[in-house]
């Protein structure tokens, strides 16, 4: 029996997964449009070029989800597939994957396909992908993998702090008034992916250090028993902020296993410069 894990490109993994016999991994890319230019968010993306294009352009920009055909093609390549998607509350990616699942099953009804709406993005998707690989490595059945993956995803949280909100506001992902006021006052927000998969602003603070300290305090409140649990920190061009955050997390959770990743195309587009996301 062969397996496929497929994630849309708001999952920041680009180097693949640790090899496992019978398992393949796909990133199904979104596209980012900057004026007349279109950037495909895959392993070939020139991320600095995307950032330069965004920084030098005042007109409308947008992102577009993968087509059902792209998902169906990925599902067709294995007996069992698990698709990990960003939140359906803010993107059509999950619905596109559901249609792709239907198309793949019409071609081959014997296939087993789970489409998992993480209600989140970024590092939370990374954690889910890694967990699914772990479950497959244990030799579990498709039904067991699917059940455990859904339960695990529900146990996770995503917090983030941003200083710039232009693309979130322009694309209807964030309340326009909140974004404009925060930008004008030089305020960083600390927000979370809500259980409904929407952006919920928790705090508005001045200064990055204060924002990161607030983020860690919120981590402690949400998961005081984190212990040796995994933490994924994603950042958009903010290594100094990440270093400070790692130190603060280590004070509260000295045994936590921390992975640091750079945001890729889609996550960079919405997090914007200096944005930091933490999944745990």
Foldseek 3Di string as FASTA:
>chain_A
DAEEEEEELLAPDQPFDDDDPRYGYYHQWKWKDQPPDIFTQHNPTPQVVLLVSVVPGDDDMDIAEGALCSLLVRQLPHQEYEYEYEAVVQHCNLVRNVSNVVVNCVVPVRGHYHYDHLLHGYPLSVVLVVLLVVVVNVVDDNVVSNVVSNVVSVLKWKKKKAQAAVLCVSSVQDDVVVRVVSNVVRWIWIWISDPNSHTGTDDIHHDLLVNLLVNLVVVCVSCVPCAQPEKEKEWAAAPVSVVSSVVSNCVRHVNYHYHYYYRTDPNCSRRPHGMMMMMD
